């Protein structure tokens, strides 16, 4: 019986990359999902911040609370 190998290719459509988000007030939220197709290329992970900011605005709108200001965003697996 042969064991399947993991593919080393880039994540495809419908896949997500997880990020930890650090806010200016000192709080942290882990495992925020960003579509993998938004990342890579010349901008690398920079688009993740925009996606997470949009998610935060939507969450804030629903909760009636103002969105927190993001200090930094880092892949949950520690890769930059």
Protein backbone atom coordinates (compact mmCIF):
# COMPACT_ATOMS: atom_id res chain seq x y z
CA UNK A 1 0.00 0.00 0.00
CA UNK A 2 1.35 3.40 -1.01
CA UNK A 3 1.11 6.45 1.26
CA UNK A 4 -0.10 9.69 -0.33
CA UNK A 5 2.31 12.60 -0.17
CA UNK A 6 1.37 16.14 0.65
CA UNK A 7 1.62 18.47 -2.29
CA UNK A 8 4.05 21.37 -1.94
CA UNK A 9 2.07 23.55 -4.34
CA UNK A 10 0.47 26.84 -3.33
CA UNK A 11 -2.98 26.74 -1.71
CA UNK A 12 -5.81 26.72 -4.25
CA UNK A 13 -9.21 28.32 -4.56
CA UNK A 14 -11.44 27.74 -1.56
CA UNK A 15 -8.49 27.32 0.80
CA UNK A 16 -7.62 29.65 3.65
CA UNK A 17 -4.51 30.86 5.46
CA UNK A 18 -4.80 31.53 9.19
CA UNK A 19 -3.48 34.74 10.78
CA UNK A 20 -3.01 36.05 14.31
CA UNK A 21 -4.10 39.66 14.67
CA UNK A 22 -2.57 41.96 17.28
CA UNK A 23 -4.52 45.10 18.16
CA UNK A 24 -3.29 48.44 19.48
CA UNK A 25 -5.13 47.89 22.78
CA UNK A 26 -2.96 44.82 23.42
CA UNK A 27 -5.54 42.17 22.56
CA UNK A 28 -4.92 39.32 20.14
CA UNK A 29 -7.22 37.23 17.99
CA UNK A 30 -5.93 33.97 16.59
CA UNK A 31 -6.72 31.93 13.50
CA UNK A 32 -8.44 34.60 11.44
CA UNK A 33 -9.16 33.14 8.00
CA UNK A 34 -8.01 34.85 4.80
CA UNK A 35 -8.65 33.33 1.35
CA UNK A 36 -5.36 31.92 0.05
CA UNK A 37 -6.04 33.32 -3.41
CA UNK A 38 -5.73 36.86 -1.96
CA UNK A 39 -2.12 36.22 -0.90
CA UNK A 40 1.20 35.79 -2.65
CA UNK A 41 2.54 37.59 -5.66
CA UNK A 42 4.37 40.86 -5.24
CA UNK A 43 2.36 41.87 -2.18
CA UNK A 44 2.91 38.63 -0.24
CA UNK A 45 0.72 38.67 2.89
CA UNK A 46 -0.03 42.43 2.82
CA UNK A 47 -3.57 41.92 1.45
CA UNK A 48 -4.40 39.88 4.58
CA UNK A 49 -4.53 43.05 6.65
CA UNK A 50 -7.12 44.61 4.33
CA UNK A 51 -9.25 41.46 4.39
CA UNK A 52 -9.11 41.29 8.20
CA UNK A 53 -9.90 45.01 8.54
CA UNK A 54 -13.00 44.46 6.37
CA UNK A 55 -14.00 41.47 8.52
CA UNK A 56 -13.54 43.61 11.66
CA UNK A 57 -15.73 46.39 10.20
CA UNK A 58 -18.50 43.87 9.48
CA UNK A 59 -18.23 42.37 12.97
CA UNK A 60 -18.25 45.84 14.56
CA UNK A 61 -21.31 46.87 12.55
CA UNK A 62 -23.24 43.80 13.70
CA UNK A 63 -22.16 44.18 17.34
CA UNK A 64 -22.63 47.93 17.54
CA UNK A 65 -19.06 48.35 18.81
CA UNK A 66 -16.33 50.35 17.04
CA UNK A 67 -13.67 48.23 15.29
CA UNK A 68 -10.32 47.89 17.03
CA UNK A 69 -7.20 49.32 15.38
CA UNK A 70 -4.84 46.64 14.12
CA UNK A 71 -1.21 46.87 15.20
CA UNK A 72 0.12 43.86 13.25
CA UNK A 73 -0.87 40.69 11.44
CA UNK A 74 1.21 37.48 11.42
CA UNK A 75 0.54 34.05 9.93
CA UNK A 76 -0.62 31.69 12.65
CA UNK A 77 2.09 29.24 11.63
CA UNK A 78 4.71 31.95 12.34
CA UNK A 79 5.73 32.53 8.70
CA UNK A 80 6.16 36.11 7.59
